[in-house]
């Protein structure tokens, strides 16, 4: 009789598959559907206002989609390392694998992918999520991973972010992710208000709301950077260490914030310097057409055909006698 009957206490089921992010797919699908719908009606817009209208549409949908999507992504901070590491506890067998760490606002993902994928008669391809958002218990998720018998590299990385870890980074990332999410939701609301103001032709206040949106987006990046810059323990795998850097979501959010800032400043400056050009961009320069229409049929003009037809001398009117039946 040996320990655990000669076998290792690992979860016998299939390996964890990479999760399909349905939330991101739904958001992207909605915004793409809106874009396609507006493109269909684009030929109905005449003149050069069609180009300005299309540019405004694309920029507005891009900013809104990014601000909403990055709240559910898991690549605000990422890192990869290739190492020879032990695969199972209580076993000296080592495997060559790529180990990835992906940190989001609501938790982190640890990826383990073998090189090659099939080693030691197993398929090494894991991606495990450990949430830390409010309402989720990170330590409980970590304990469930221990009970399932996840590979040692995944548990080792996840342990660095637990509440009992001496690295003491769990609280910083958790609170920062919470407040960054709140700030981005506020930015999404101000973006909606700016779209409403632009549709009502209140351009100056719409520009101000874009500036407020940019401020909130850039402030959210500052909050996340403050959490990332805290001192933490190295994640070491033999001679190599897993180091993280800002991910795609961080840089995409930064680009969106700068875009909102530039557009808001441009609208405010044009409104004070050259308001006519701003009206032209938003297809509001219709005064000349209205003046031409108003002058075409004024009652004081003698050339108006309707006036000529109605101005008949009273003496030339015909007297019509009615015959009784």
Foldseek 3Di string as FASTA:
>chain_A
DDDVVPDAQAAPDAAADDDDDVVLVVLVVVLVVVLVVVVVCLVVDDDPLSVLVNVVSVLLSLLLSLLVNLLRDFAQKKWKDWAWFAWAPPDPDTFTWIWMWTHGLFWIKIWTAGPPQQDPNGGRTHIDTQTLEPPGARVVSLVVCVNNRGTPLRSLVSLQQHCPHPQPLVVLSHVLSHVLNVLSVVLSVLSVVLVVCLVVVVQLVSLVSLQVSLVSLVVSLVSNVVSVPDGGDWADGPPDTIDMDGGPSSVSSNVSSVVSNVVSVVSNVCVVPPVVVVCVSSVNPCPVVVVVVCVPADLVDPPHPVNVVVDDDPVPDDDDDDDDD
